Structure formats: structure tokens, C-alpha cells
């Protein structure tokens, strides 16, 4: 039977206060239900928790993407050490975080990979726009890198949606 209040989530002292506040003669079923919950000891937190983890089901995507992230991080780090351009550290840290998420099988892996893909799409798009709007005339070969970056971002997001799978397992305390 459903009541206006969810008594299942109340502790014993809350159940006792609720029992006193209702008219027990008008609502005998509700009063009996509250007394039953008091006898059981009220709300008890679960004794186990659900641990979510994720993994990439396609090993080729996983290892190629890890290689790509590692190479990108290494290249950006080397370039930073030569030029001291601070935003390169942002790219290195994003890559390192996503590598950590993948290797630790974190439940946030898919989100991290999609964020990386979004950065690649934004980077490729701005590169294409910069070429089209600023450079005149622009060489066709200059479009290769931003188009590749844009396509890579789209591909990575699509593959993340397809191959990142979530696992749930119960853990007893």
C-alpha cells in the first residue's frame, strides 16, 4: 500500500515521531505499517555497494587510441620544453588524464574520451576556418591536418559510443 510519506527511508526515531503525528484510529493500516518498520529497526543502509567500471571492448581501438594519446602527449611535452608555450601543458594533462581513465577502467572513461574527441573537433574546425578566412590563397595541402583532426575527433566519439562498455559488480563491505 502506498502512503503520502515514504516510511521505508526513515530511521526509528523518525518513525516514532510519524506514528505519534498521525491519527491512528483514522489510519490503522498506516499505523500498523509504521509499527512493523519500527520493529524491524527502521532504515538500514545497504551492506554492499555497486562498483561501476568501464572497458573498451575492441582491443584494437583501445591500444591504437592509447598509442595516439601517448604520442600526442609526448609530442606536446617535447614541444613545450622547446618553446615554453603554456597551453601545451593543458593538452598534455588532458591526454594524461584520459590515459589514466582508460588504464584504471574508470566509469568516466567514455566521458573523457568524448571530451578529447570534442577538443579534436573544435581544434580541427578552428584550423579549417582559419585557413578559409585568413589565408588567401590557401594551399590545398594545408587543409589536410585540420581535416584529419576533425575527422579523428568524430571517429573517436563514434567509437567511444560503440566500444566503451560498463560493468557493474557488487562489493560486500
Foldseek 3Di string as FASTA:
>chain_A
DDDPDDQQQDFLVVLVVVLVPDDCVVPVVVNVVSVVCNVVGGHDDDQKDKAKFKAFQDVVCLVVVLVVLVVLLVVLVVVCVVPVPVCSVVSNVLSVVLNVNHVVRHPCNLVSQLVVLVVLLVQLVVQVVCCVPPDPPHDPVSNVVSVVSNVVSVVSNVSSVVGMDMDIDMGGD
